[in-house]
């Protein structure tokens, strides 16, 4: 994990800018995250705490996270003790992955009180605690740990606060003889990780790389310089991507050879690394049941399609029934009753081949012919119905595949709009609610092209219809992936530049089922050429006079375009 003790040193440095700031609002978007809004030095900051088992961290974020209508208990306790309070210090517990915010606040009768927020970054054991330092008591925590769960420390309201156990490693900031010996003799990153506190394998490898093939005196200088980079808050804030894996550090990762990106601060770096993953996790928590329901419906529809195709193949034999009837009528005079089959010349065949016709031996030739005519009529009627059902089922499959793609790329707000759409369609039961919700206007994503042109993207069918038929002008440019489920994209210009067109096509490809593909076909036309057929499902349109271009989705470009 790259968020090690050294990274925490840099994060503590970056967070000094919120010291003296006032906590104005506290939200808890979900069970694993807390978001504080802070006003400091004339600026607004958003401080994110996450105890997610894979994405645990503390950072200043530039992203927005949707909040529930009713705040959870832990959020209410934090508001009671911290809202309106002043952050007096941000410190790190030794060189561990623990950051402590000290807040000067007021109690119910207006007296000054001091509270501490302890962010413990420990993977799946991560926790966030509110502590009263005057009594060293835990007031509340985002996760509770009973004595049966942890014999070393109990984390429950009213219990004494005990810091996590130390690892008995060398302090990387204290230049003792033992530390110097480790630096001089270390040739394997494991030695650094095992003996010096705060080092993850990533930063140990970088240190070994920098100290390679130099004298001991120079090694100590390189070590001090490297540690100083962390103390200053980092120098490069670098992300390296190698074969689908992401590595990050406050400093340059010279030992890694991959695609490298530099961010201007640690908050932006962590947003880039974690936000999309964390957002997807939030959606999974909120939409797990919806994803399963959509998959079940798709499975049912695909099974129905398979049966319909089989029935269609059977019904297609109607021409044979008609032929048998006509041949029997033409030869009725020569066919005796009591036969189980008869072989007749097919006079429709150029080579006059014969066909064997099964008969009911209890019926005359004319009666057998009439029976085949009846079967022909029934098969013809069935074929029309099956063709209709095939078309309906194919549309339903396309609709549910589109919904499935939208859920995969949705934000928590988008999920609620998808649920509402399914309820309005009568596909999901309406949820019982005490309060009647006011109709809310869809909020599509907004992007800005490199040349300053505004672009709107629908993330679900409600947004798609709104973007295309409400928000867009008739002369605006409309884009959609060709024959691939995806979003409606509108360039708010009647004559977009090639740059705007290319970037909008990139958005259309990215917000489609072909996100991971290359050379994705994207159609574009003017909005007035986009029509919604009567009775069609939400988000479904037909369009004319389109031009197709091919793009490969580029997430980096999309990040820069986000409004």
Protein backbone atom coordinates (compact mmCIF):
# COMPACT_ATOMS: atom_id res chain seq x y z
CA UNK A 1 0.00 0.00 0.00
CA UNK A 2 1.42 3.38 -1.02
CA UNK A 3 -0.40 5.27 1.78
CA UNK A 4 2.32 4.34 4.26
CA UNK A 5 3.82 6.25 7.19
CA UNK A 6 5.97 8.36 4.87
CA UNK A 7 2.99 9.29 2.71
CA UNK A 8 1.17 10.20 5.94
CA UNK A 9 4.00 12.60 6.79
CA UNK A 10 3.43 14.36 3.46
CA UNK A 11 -0.35 14.35 3.92
CA UNK A 12 0.03 15.89 7.40
CA UNK A 13 2.09 18.66 5.78
CA UNK A 14 -0.53 19.28 3.10
CA UNK A 15 -3.30 19.41 5.71
CA UNK A 16 -1.60 22.26 7.61
CA UNK A 17 -3.50 24.66 5.33
CA UNK A 18 -6.77 23.82 7.12
CA UNK A 19 -5.35 24.65 10.58
CA UNK A 20 -7.31 27.64 12.02
CA UNK A 21 -10.15 26.68 9.66
CA UNK A 22 -13.75 26.46 10.83
CA UNK A 23 -15.75 23.25 10.30
CA UNK A 24 -18.98 24.44 8.68
CA UNK A 25 -20.68 21.20 7.67
CA UNK A 26 -20.24 17.45 8.22
CA UNK A 27 -21.79 14.77 6.02
CA UNK A 28 -21.65 10.97 5.96
CA UNK A 29 -22.32 9.83 2.38
CA UNK A 30 -22.18 6.15 3.37
CA UNK A 31 -21.06 3.76 6.11
CA UNK A 32 -17.37 4.20 5.24
CA UNK A 33 -16.89 7.90 4.52
CA UNK A 34 -17.11 11.26 6.30
CA UNK A 35 -16.88 14.58 4.48
CA UNK A 36 -16.12 17.84 6.32
CA UNK A 37 -16.53 21.26 4.74
CA UNK A 38 -13.96 23.68 6.14
CA UNK A 39 -13.45 27.40 5.64
CA UNK A 40 -9.79 28.35 6.08
CA UNK A 41 -7.56 31.17 4.81
CA UNK A 42 -10.42 32.59 2.76
CA UNK A 43 -10.94 29.30 0.89
CA UNK A 44 -13.38 26.39 1.07
CA UNK A 45 -11.96 22.90 1.58
CA UNK A 46 -13.53 19.44 1.58
CA UNK A 47 -11.79 16.98 3.90
CA UNK A 48 -12.56 13.34 3.20
CA UNK A 49 -12.07 10.49 5.66
CA UNK A 50 -12.48 6.96 4.28
CA UNK A 51 -12.26 3.68 6.23
CA UNK A 52 -12.87 1.57 3.13
CA UNK A 53 -10.89 -1.69 3.43
CA UNK A 54 -9.14 -1.07 0.09
CA UNK A 55 -9.27 2.72 -0.26
CA UNK A 56 -8.75 3.95 3.34
CA UNK A 57 -7.30 7.45 3.40
CA UNK A 58 -7.59 11.05 4.58
CA UNK A 59 -7.35 13.79 1.97
CA UNK A 60 -8.60 17.11 0.68
CA UNK A 61 -10.87 16.26 -2.22
CA UNK A 62 -12.10 18.26 -5.19
CA UNK A 63 -14.85 15.77 -6.03
CA UNK A 64 -18.51 15.86 -5.00
CA UNK A 65 -20.20 12.99 -3.15
CA UNK A 66 -23.97 12.64 -2.81
CA UNK A 67 -25.33 12.56 0.73
CA UNK A 68 -28.28 10.60 2.14
CA UNK A 69 -31.45 12.44 3.19
CA UNK A 70 -31.09 11.24 6.79
CA UNK A 71 -27.62 11.43 8.42
CA UNK A 72 -26.40 8.30 10.27
CA UNK A 73 -25.80 8.34 14.03
CA UNK A 74 -22.02 8.78 13.79
CA UNK A 75 -22.51 11.84 11.56
CA UNK A 76 -24.97 13.32 14.08
CA UNK A 77 -22.46 12.86 16.93
CA UNK A 78 -19.69 14.54 14.89
CA UNK A 79 -22.00 17.45 14.10
CA UNK A 80 -22.89 17.87 17.77
CA UNK A 81 -19.25 18.07 18.88
CA UNK A 82 -17.44 19.58 15.88
CA UNK A 83 -19.64 21.79 13.67
CA UNK A 84 -18.62 25.41 14.15
CA UNK A 85 -15.36 24.31 15.77
CA UNK A 86 -11.88 25.56 14.86
CA UNK A 87 -9.13 23.13 13.81
CA UNK A 88 -6.20 24.03 16.08
CA UNK A 89 -3.71 21.40 14.91
CA UNK A 90 -3.15 18.50 12.52
CA UNK A 91 -0.54 16.04 13.71
CA UNK A 92 0.68 12.52 13.06
CA UNK A 93 0.98 9.82 15.74
CA UNK A 94 4.72 9.04 15.65
CA UNK A 95 5.35 7.85 12.07
CA UNK A 96 2.27 5.64 11.91
CA UNK A 97 -0.61 5.99 9.46
CA UNK A 98 -2.60 7.93 12.05
CA UNK A 99 -3.55 11.58 11.66
CA UNK A 100 -5.14 13.49 14.55
CA UNK A 101 -7.19 16.67 14.12
CA UNK A 102 -7.53 18.76 17.27
CA UNK A 103 -10.69 20.88 17.26
CA UNK A 104 -11.63 23.70 19.62
CA UNK A 105 -15.41 23.71 19.89
CA UNK A 106 -18.20 24.58 22.32
CA UNK A 107 -20.57 22.43 24.34
CA UNK A 108 -24.33 22.90 24.83
CA UNK A 109 -23.90 25.74 27.33
CA UNK A 110 -21.26 27.58 25.31
CA UNK A 111 -18.11 26.54 27.19
CA UNK A 112 -14.94 25.80 25.20
CA UNK A 113 -14.18 22.12 24.72
CA UNK A 114 -11.41 20.30 22.87
CA UNK A 115 -12.12 17.25 20.72
CA UNK A 116 -9.82 15.05 18.66
CA UNK A 117 -10.61 13.21 15.45
CA UNK A 118 -8.34 10.18 15.03
CA UNK A 119 -8.02 8.82 11.49
CA UNK A 120 -6.39 5.38 11.64
CA UNK A 121 -5.41 4.10 8.19
CA UNK A 122 -4.91 0.36 8.56
CA UNK A 123 -6.53 -1.35 5.56
CA UNK A 124 -9.56 -3.39 6.58
CA UNK A 125 -8.93 -2.38 10.22
CA UNK A 126 -9.13 1.35 9.42
CA UNK A 127 -11.24 3.43 11.77
CA UNK A 128 -12.31 6.98 12.54
CA UNK A 129 -12.77 7.97 16.18
CA UNK A 130 -14.02 11.02 18.07
CA UNK A 131 -12.05 11.36 21.31
CA UNK A 132 -12.32 13.60 24.36
CA UNK A 133 -8.60 14.20 25.15
CA UNK A 134 -9.28 15.73 28.58
CA UNK A 135 -10.62 12.37 29.78
CA UNK A 136 -8.93 10.20 27.11
CA UNK A 137 -12.36 8.73 26.31
CA UNK A 138 -13.83 7.53 23.05
CA UNK A 139 -17.04 9.46 22.38
CA UNK A 140 -17.95 7.56 19.19
CA UNK A 141 -16.34 5.71 16.28
CA UNK A 142 -17.38 4.81 12.76
CA UNK A 143 -16.60 1.14 13.59
CA UNK A 144 -17.12 -0.49 16.98
CA UNK A 145 -14.76 -3.17 18.32
CA UNK A 146 -15.84 -5.16 21.38
CA UNK A 147 -13.34 -6.91 23.71
CA UNK A 148 -14.24 -10.23 22.07
CA UNK A 149 -13.21 -8.80 18.67
CA UNK A 150 -9.95 -7.19 19.84
CA UNK A 151 -8.30 -8.13 23.12
CA UNK A 152 -5.71 -5.30 22.91
CA UNK A 153 -8.07 -2.34 22.54
CA UNK A 154 -11.82 -1.88 22.86
CA UNK A 155 -13.36 0.75 20.60
CA UNK A 156 -16.75 1.63 22.01
CA UNK A 157 -18.28 4.89 23.31
CA UNK A 158 -17.17 5.56 26.90
CA UNK A 159 -14.06 3.37 26.69
CA UNK A 160 -10.53 4.74 27.23
CA UNK A 161 -8.68 5.53 24.03
CA UNK A 162 -5.70 3.23 23.46
CA UNK A 163 -3.47 3.84 20.44
CA UNK A 164 -2.78 0.90 18.11
CA UNK A 165 0.22 -1.22 19.17
CA UNK A 166 3.67 -0.05 18.07
CA UNK A 167 5.79 -2.22 15.78
CA UNK A 168 9.10 -1.58 17.58
CA UNK A 169 10.82 -0.32 14.46
CA UNK A 170 13.37 2.46 14.07
CA UNK A 171 12.05 6.01 13.73
CA UNK A 172 12.99 7.19 10.20
CA UNK A 173 13.34 10.78 11.46
CA UNK A 174 15.80 10.03 14.27
CA UNK A 175 19.31 9.50 12.90
CA UNK A 176 20.57 6.95 15.44
CA UNK A 177 23.51 4.61 15.01
CA UNK A 178 21.12 1.70 14.41
CA UNK A 179 19.31 3.62 11.67
CA UNK A 180 22.62 4.56 10.03
CA UNK A 181 23.74 0.91 10.03
CA UNK A 182 20.53 -0.18 8.34
CA UNK A 183 20.95 2.51 5.67
CA UNK A 184 24.59 1.59 5.04
CA UNK A 185 23.97 -2.16 4.81
CA UNK A 186 20.52 -2.42 3.24
CA UNK A 187 20.57 -4.07 -0.19
CA UNK A 188 17.07 -5.54 -0.13
CA UNK A 189 13.89 -3.41 0.25
CA UNK A 190 12.57 -5.98 2.74
CA UNK A 191 15.32 -4.98 5.20
CA UNK A 192 14.14 -1.36 5.08
CA UNK A 193 10.46 -2.33 5.54
CA UNK A 194 11.19 -4.70 8.44
CA UNK A 195 13.50 -2.38 10.37
CA UNK A 196 12.42 1.23 9.69
CA UNK A 197 8.96 2.51 10.56
CA UNK A 198 6.80 4.16 7.88
CA UNK A 199 8.28 2.42 4.83
CA UNK A 200 6.11 0.43 2.43
CA UNK A 201 7.82 -1.81 -0.15
CA UNK A 202 7.24 0.87 -2.81
CA UNK A 203 9.16 3.58 -1.00
CA UNK A 204 11.81 1.11 0.21
CA UNK A 205 12.49 0.10 -3.41
CA UNK A 206 12.77 3.74 -4.43
CA UNK A 207 15.27 4.40 -1.62
CA UNK A 208 17.41 1.37 -2.55
CA UNK A 209 17.32 2.50 -6.19
CA UNK A 210 18.53 5.99 -5.25
CA UNK A 211 21.30 4.65 -2.98
CA UNK A 212 22.58 2.14 -5.53
CA UNK A 213 26.33 2.20 -6.29
CA UNK A 214 27.29 5.12 -4.04
CA UNK A 215 29.43 5.40 -0.89
CA UNK A 216 28.05 5.14 2.65
CA UNK A 217 28.44 8.85 3.28
CA UNK A 218 26.52 9.61 0.11
CA UNK A 219 23.88 7.02 1.09
CA UNK A 220 23.16 8.89 4.30
CA UNK A 221 22.85 12.18 2.37
CA UNK A 222 20.48 10.53 -0.16
CA UNK A 223 18.40 9.07 2.69
CA UNK A 224 18.13 12.45 4.45
CA UNK A 225 17.22 14.15 1.19
CA UNK A 226 14.58 11.52 0.45
CA UNK A 227 13.00 11.83 3.91
CA UNK A 228 13.09 15.61 3.59
CA UNK A 229 11.01 15.38 0.42
CA UNK A 230 8.24 13.73 2.44
CA UNK A 231 8.61 16.30 5.23
CA UNK A 232 8.06 19.09 2.71
CA UNK A 233 4.84 17.48 1.47
CA UNK A 234 6.35 15.78 -1.56
CA UNK A 235 8.02 17.02 -4.71
CA UNK A 236 6.37 15.34 -7.69
CA UNK A 237 3.03 13.84 -6.48
CA UNK A 238 3.47 11.11 -9.04
CA UNK A 239 1.25 8.30 -10.34
CA UNK A 240 2.74 5.44 -12.36
CA UNK A 241 0.62 2.95 -14.31
CA UNK A 242 2.17 -0.39 -15.30
CA UNK A 243 0.16 -3.23 -16.86
CA UNK A 244 -3.10 -2.10 -15.29
CA UNK A 245 -1.58 -1.54 -11.83
CA UNK A 246 -1.35 1.90 -10.26
CA UNK A 247 1.43 3.13 -7.98
CA UNK A 248 1.58 6.55 -6.35
CA UNK A 249 3.84 8.62 -4.13
CA UNK A 250 4.38 12.23 -3.01
CA UNK A 251 7.76 11.99 -4.77
CA UNK A 252 9.17 10.78 -8.08
CA UNK A 253 9.19 7.00 -8.50
CA UNK A 254 12.40 6.75 -10.50
CA UNK A 255 12.71 2.97 -10.10
CA UNK A 256 9.44 2.34 -11.98
CA UNK A 257 9.18 2.37 -15.76
CA UNK A 258 5.62 3.03 -16.86
CA UNK A 259 3.16 5.74 -17.82
CA UNK A 260 3.68 8.61 -15.39
CA UNK A 261 1.37 11.44 -14.36
CA UNK A 262 2.15 14.33 -12.01
CA UNK A 263 -0.50 16.07 -9.90
CA UNK A 264 -0.18 19.46 -8.22
CA UNK A 265 -1.20 18.19 -4.75
CA UNK A 266 -1.85 14.96 -2.84
CA UNK A 267 -5.61 15.52 -2.80
CA UNK A 268 -5.74 15.58 -6.60
CA UNK A 269 -3.43 12.56 -6.73
CA UNK A 270 -5.72 10.48 -4.47
CA UNK A 271 -8.83 11.70 -6.31
CA UNK A 272 -7.30 10.42 -9.51
CA UNK A 273 -6.29 7.07 -8.04
CA UNK A 274 -9.29 6.31 -5.87
CA UNK A 275 -12.34 8.42 -6.66
CA UNK A 276 -13.67 6.43 -9.63
CA UNK A 277 -13.07 3.16 -7.76
CA UNK A 278 -14.68 4.46 -4.58
CA UNK A 279 -17.61 5.87 -6.58
CA UNK A 280 -18.12 2.48 -8.20
CA UNK A 281 -18.05 0.90 -4.73
CA UNK A 282 -20.66 3.39 -3.48
CA UNK A 283 -22.88 2.49 -6.42
CA UNK A 284 -22.42 -1.23 -5.71
CA UNK A 285 -23.56 -0.70 -2.13
CA UNK A 286 -26.61 1.20 -3.35
CA UNK A 287 -27.40 -0.78 -6.50
CA UNK A 288 -26.38 -4.37 -5.76
CA UNK A 289 -30.02 -5.49 -5.72
CA UNK A 290 -30.73 -3.55 -8.92
CA UNK A 291 -27.77 -5.14 -10.72
CA UNK A 292 -28.95 -8.64 -9.72
CA UNK A 293 -32.52 -7.85 -10.78
CA UNK A 294 -31.40 -6.55 -14.19
CA UNK A 295 -29.25 -9.64 -14.77
CA UNK A 296 -32.13 -11.95 -13.84
CA UNK A 297 -34.48 -10.10 -16.21
CA UNK A 298 -31.89 -10.33 -18.99
CA UNK A 299 -31.48 -14.06 -18.40
CA UNK A 300 -35.26 -14.53 -18.63
CA UNK A 301 -35.47 -12.50 -21.84
CA UNK A 302 -32.60 -14.39 -23.47
CA UNK A 303 -34.25 -17.72 -22.59
CA UNK A 304 -37.53 -16.40 -24.05
CA UNK A 305 -35.68 -15.37 -27.21
CA UNK A 306 -34.20 -18.85 -27.55
CA UNK A 307 -37.66 -20.47 -27.27
CA UNK A 308 -39.21 -18.00 -29.71
CA UNK A 309 -36.52 -18.74 -32.29
CA UNK A 310 -37.22 -22.45 -31.93
CA UNK A 311 -40.96 -21.83 -32.38
CA UNK A 312 -40.17 -19.63 -35.36
CA UNK A 313 -38.24 -22.44 -37.03
CA UNK A 314 -41.22 -24.76 -36.53
CA UNK A 315 -43.69 -22.18 -37.83
CA UNK A 316 -41.55 -21.58 -40.92
CA UNK A 317 -42.64 -25.02 -42.17
CA UNK A 318 -45.96 -23.46 -43.23
CA UNK A 319 -44.92 -23.54 -46.93
CA UNK A 320 -44.53 -27.29 -46.63
CA UNK A 321 -48.08 -27.63 -45.20
CA UNK A 322 -49.46 -25.60 -48.11
CA UNK A 323 -47.55 -27.68 -50.67
CA UNK A 324 -48.79 -30.96 -49.15
CA UNK A 325 -52.39 -29.71 -49.23
CA UNK A 326 -52.20 -28.62 -52.87
CA UNK A 327 -50.53 -31.87 -54.05
CA UNK A 328 -53.10 -33.99 -52.20
CA UNK A 329 -56.02 -32.04 -53.72
CA UNK A 330 -54.52 -32.34 -57.20
CA UNK A 331 -54.13 -36.12 -56.83
CA UNK A 332 -57.14 -36.90 -54.62
CA UNK A 333 -58.76 -39.07 -57.32
CA UNK A 334 -55.78 -41.45 -57.30
CA UNK A 335 -55.26 -41.79 -53.52
CA UNK A 336 -57.14 -44.49 -51.64
CA UNK A 337 -58.32 -44.10 -48.04
CA UNK A 338 -56.35 -46.08 -45.43
CA UNK A 339 -52.83 -45.15 -46.56
CA UNK A 340 -50.34 -43.84 -43.96
CA UNK A 341 -48.27 -41.97 -46.57
CA UNK A 342 -48.16 -41.30 -50.29
CA UNK A 343 -45.36 -40.36 -52.70
CA UNK A 344 -46.35 -37.71 -55.25
CA UNK A 345 -44.60 -35.72 -57.94
CA UNK A 346 -43.93 -32.12 -56.89
CA UNK A 347 -44.99 -30.21 -59.99
CA UNK A 348 -43.56 -26.98 -58.47
CA UNK A 349 -40.06 -28.49 -58.73
CA UNK A 350 -38.20 -27.93 -62.02
CA UNK A 351 -36.84 -31.48 -61.93
CA UNK A 352 -40.23 -32.90 -60.90
CA UNK A 353 -38.82 -34.64 -57.84
CA UNK A 354 -41.21 -36.63 -55.70
CA UNK A 355 -42.14 -35.91 -52.07
CA UNK A 356 -43.43 -38.30 -49.42
CA UNK A 357 -46.53 -36.92 -47.65
CA UNK A 358 -47.59 -38.42 -44.27
CA UNK A 359 -51.35 -39.22 -44.13
CA UNK A 360 -53.99 -39.99 -41.53
CA UNK A 361 -55.17 -43.45 -42.64
CA UNK A 362 -58.66 -42.77 -41.24
CA UNK A 363 -59.19 -39.79 -43.55
CA UNK A 364 -59.67 -39.42 -47.28
CA UNK A 365 -57.15 -37.57 -49.46
CA UNK A 366 -59.39 -34.47 -49.46
CA UNK A 367 -59.71 -34.56 -45.66
CA UNK A 368 -55.94 -34.92 -45.31
CA UNK A 369 -55.47 -31.98 -47.67
CA UNK A 370 -57.90 -29.89 -45.60
CA UNK A 371 -55.96 -30.82 -42.46
CA UNK A 372 -52.74 -29.54 -44.02
CA UNK A 373 -54.50 -26.32 -45.09
CA UNK A 374 -55.65 -25.81 -41.48
CA UNK A 375 -52.12 -26.36 -40.20
CA UNK A 376 -50.86 -23.87 -42.80
CA UNK A 377 -53.33 -21.21 -41.60
CA UNK A 378 -52.43 -21.75 -37.94
CA UNK A 379 -48.71 -21.68 -38.71
CA UNK A 380 -49.11 -18.47 -40.70
CA UNK A 381 -50.92 -16.78 -37.79
CA UNK A 382 -48.38 -18.11 -35.30
CA UNK A 383 -45.50 -16.88 -37.45
CA UNK A 384 -46.83 -13.32 -37.39
CA UNK A 385 -47.26 -13.42 -33.61
CA UNK A 386 -43.81 -14.94 -33.09
CA UNK A 387 -42.23 -12.29 -35.33
CA UNK A 388 -43.92 -9.61 -33.22
CA UNK A 389 -42.77 -11.26 -29.99
CA UNK A 390 -39.23 -11.62 -31.33
CA UNK A 391 -39.12 -7.89 -32.14
CA UNK A 392 -40.53 -6.94 -28.70
CA UNK A 393 -38.16 -9.29 -26.89
CA UNK A 394 -35.17 -7.99 -28.87
CA UNK A 395 -36.13 -4.42 -27.91
CA UNK A 396 -36.52 -5.45 -24.26
CA UNK A 397 -33.07 -7.10 -24.29
CA UNK A 398 -31.54 -3.94 -25.80
CA UNK A 399 -33.33 -1.84 -23.15
CA UNK A 400 -32.12 -3.94 -20.22
CA UNK A 401 -28.58 -4.12 -21.62
CA UNK A 402 -28.64 -0.32 -21.85
CA UNK A 403 -29.81 -0.09 -18.22
CA UNK A 404 -27.11 -2.56 -17.18
CA UNK A 405 -24.45 -0.42 -18.87
CA UNK A 406 -25.85 2.72 -17.24
CA UNK A 407 -25.77 1.12 -13.77
CA UNK A 408 -22.16 0.06 -14.34
CA UNK A 409 -21.16 3.69 -15.06
CA UNK A 410 -23.63 5.45 -12.74
CA UNK A 411 -23.21 7.72 -9.75
CA UNK A 412 -25.43 7.20 -6.68
CA UNK A 413 -27.81 9.94 -7.92
CA UNK A 414 -28.05 8.27 -11.33
CA UNK A 415 -29.08 5.02 -9.63
CA UNK A 416 -32.10 6.69 -8.02
CA UNK A 417 -33.17 8.07 -11.40
CA UNK A 418 -32.86 4.61 -12.95
CA UNK A 419 -35.03 3.15 -10.17
CA UNK A 420 -37.62 5.88 -10.72
CA UNK A 421 -37.65 5.13 -14.45
CA UNK A 422 -38.25 1.42 -13.83
CA UNK A 423 -41.06 2.23 -11.38
CA UNK A 424 -42.68 4.57 -13.89
CA UNK A 425 -42.46 1.78 -16.48
CA UNK A 426 -44.19 -0.56 -14.05
CA UNK A 427 -41.18 -2.89 -13.99
CA UNK A 428 -40.34 -2.26 -10.33
CA UNK A 429 -42.75 -1.82 -7.44
CA UNK A 430 -43.08 1.67 -6.05
CA UNK A 431 -41.28 2.07 -2.74
CA UNK A 432 -43.42 3.07 0.22
CA UNK A 433 -42.49 6.57 1.34
CA UNK A 434 -43.91 8.80 4.04
CA UNK A 435 -42.95 11.95 2.19
CA UNK A 436 -43.92 12.65 -1.39
CA UNK A 437 -40.90 13.59 -3.41
CA UNK A 438 -41.09 16.68 -5.57
CA UNK A 439 -40.22 16.07 -9.22
CA UNK A 440 -36.53 16.82 -9.66
CA UNK A 441 -35.08 17.99 -12.95
CA UNK A 442 -32.43 15.55 -14.27
CA UNK A 443 -28.85 16.74 -13.85
CA UNK A 444 -26.69 15.52 -16.74
CA UNK A 445 -22.90 15.67 -16.56
CA UNK A 446 -21.28 18.88 -17.84
CA UNK A 447 -17.96 19.02 -19.69
CA UNK A 448 -15.93 21.74 -21.36
CA UNK A 449 -14.04 21.08 -24.60
CA UNK A 450 -10.51 22.41 -25.06
CA UNK A 451 -11.87 25.32 -27.12
CA UNK A 452 -14.37 26.27 -24.39
CA UNK A 453 -17.47 24.68 -25.95
CA UNK A 454 -19.97 23.23 -23.46
CA UNK A 455 -20.91 19.55 -23.76
CA UNK A 456 -23.71 17.70 -21.92
CA UNK A 457 -23.79 13.95 -21.28
CA UNK A 458 -26.80 11.89 -20.18
CA UNK A 459 -25.84 9.17 -17.69
CA UNK A 460 -29.24 7.42 -17.71
CA UNK A 461 -32.39 7.39 -19.83
CA UNK A 462 -34.09 10.22 -17.94
CA UNK A 463 -31.01 12.36 -18.48
CA UNK A 464 -30.71 11.22 -22.11
CA UNK A 465 -34.25 12.35 -22.93
CA UNK A 466 -33.72 15.61 -21.04
CA UNK A 467 -30.39 16.38 -22.75
CA UNK A 468 -31.72 15.65 -26.25
CA UNK A 469 -35.27 17.01 -26.15
CA UNK A 470 -35.25 19.67 -23.41
CA UNK A 471 -31.76 21.04 -22.89
CA UNK A 472 -30.41 20.99 -26.45
CA UNK A 473 -31.31 23.46 -29.18
CA UNK A 474 -32.46 22.03 -32.53
CA UNK A 475 -29.24 23.27 -34.12
CA UNK A 476 -26.90 21.71 -31.53
CA UNK A 477 -24.80 18.65 -32.42
CA UNK A 478 -25.91 15.25 -31.09
CA UNK A 479 -23.65 12.17 -30.71
CA UNK A 480 -24.15 8.49 -29.84
CA UNK A 481 -22.15 5.30 -30.29
CA UNK A 482 -23.21 3.44 -33.44
CA UNK A 483 -25.29 0.32 -32.61
CA UNK A 484 -23.80 0.23 -29.08
CA UNK A 485 -25.66 1.06 -25.82
CA UNK A 486 -24.46 4.39 -24.52
CA UNK A 487 -25.16 7.97 -23.50
CA UNK A 488 -26.66 10.83 -25.47
CA UNK A 489 -24.03 13.55 -25.88
CA UNK A 490 -24.82 17.09 -27.02
CA UNK A 491 -22.35 19.76 -28.12
CA UNK A 492 -24.01 23.10 -27.44
CA UNK A 493 -22.94 24.56 -30.77
CA UNK A 494 -24.37 24.53 -34.29
CA UNK A 495 -20.89 24.57 -35.81
CA UNK A 496 -18.48 22.76 -33.45
CA UNK A 497 -14.78 22.71 -34.13
CA UNK A 498 -13.01 19.47 -35.00
CA UNK A 499 -11.52 19.53 -31.51
CA UNK A 500 -14.92 19.79 -29.80
CA UNK A 501 -16.34 17.11 -32.08
CA UNK A 502 -13.46 14.73 -31.35
CA UNK A 503 -13.66 15.31 -27.60
CA UNK A 504 -17.46 14.88 -27.55
CA UNK A 505 -17.07 11.63 -29.50
CA UNK A 506 -14.54 10.55 -26.88
CA UNK A 507 -17.20 11.18 -24.21
CA UNK A 508 -19.82 9.22 -26.17
CA UNK A 509 -17.45 6.26 -26.50
CA UNK A 510 -16.34 6.45 -22.85
CA UNK A 511 -19.92 6.52 -21.52
CA UNK A 512 -20.95 3.47 -23.52
CA UNK A 513 -20.65 -0.29 -23.41
CA UNK A 514 -17.50 0.07 -25.55
CA UNK A 515 -15.55 1.99 -22.86
CA UNK A 516 -12.73 -0.57 -22.86
CA UNK A 517 -12.62 -0.90 -26.68
CA UNK A 518 -10.58 0.91 -29.31
CA UNK A 519 -11.69 2.57 -32.55
CA UNK A 520 -15.29 2.91 -31.37
CA UNK A 521 -17.78 4.11 -34.05
CA UNK A 522 -19.65 7.26 -32.99
CA UNK A 523 -22.45 8.83 -35.03
CA UNK A 524 -23.18 12.55 -34.98
CA UNK A 525 -25.93 14.69 -36.47
CA UNK A 526 -27.91 17.82 -35.62
CA UNK A 527 -30.47 17.52 -32.83
CA UNK A 528 -33.41 18.23 -35.18
CA UNK A 529 -32.60 14.95 -36.97
CA UNK A 530 -33.13 12.97 -33.72
CA UNK A 531 -36.68 11.66 -33.22
CA UNK A 532 -38.40 9.68 -30.47
CA UNK A 533 -40.84 7.06 -31.86
CA UNK A 534 -44.31 7.02 -30.30
CA UNK A 535 -44.54 4.54 -27.44
CA UNK A 536 -40.80 3.92 -27.33
CA UNK A 537 -38.97 3.30 -24.07
CA UNK A 538 -37.07 6.10 -22.27
CA UNK A 539 -33.80 6.95 -23.96
CA UNK A 540 -34.70 5.28 -27.28
CA UNK A 541 -34.43 7.42 -30.41
CA UNK A 542 -33.96 7.18 -34.14
CA UNK A 543 -31.79 9.62 -36.09
CA UNK A 544 -30.96 10.57 -39.67
CA UNK A 545 -28.27 12.18 -41.84
CA UNK A 546 -25.53 11.07 -39.48
CA UNK A 547 -21.79 10.98 -40.00
CA UNK A 548 -19.61 8.34 -38.34
CA UNK A 549 -16.18 8.86 -36.85
CA UNK A 550 -13.97 6.45 -34.88
CA UNK A 551 -12.37 7.21 -31.52
CA UNK A 552 -10.62 5.38 -28.70
CA UNK A 553 -11.89 6.38 -25.22
CA UNK A 554 -9.29 8.39 -23.33
CA UNK A 555 -9.97 8.80 -19.60
CA UNK A 556 -7.18 11.35 -19.21
CA UNK A 557 -8.82 13.73 -21.69
CA UNK A 558 -12.18 13.31 -19.97
CA UNK A 559 -10.68 14.23 -16.57
CA UNK A 560 -9.44 17.51 -18.03
CA UNK A 561 -12.83 18.24 -19.61
CA UNK A 562 -14.86 17.72 -16.41
CA UNK A 563 -16.66 20.95 -15.51
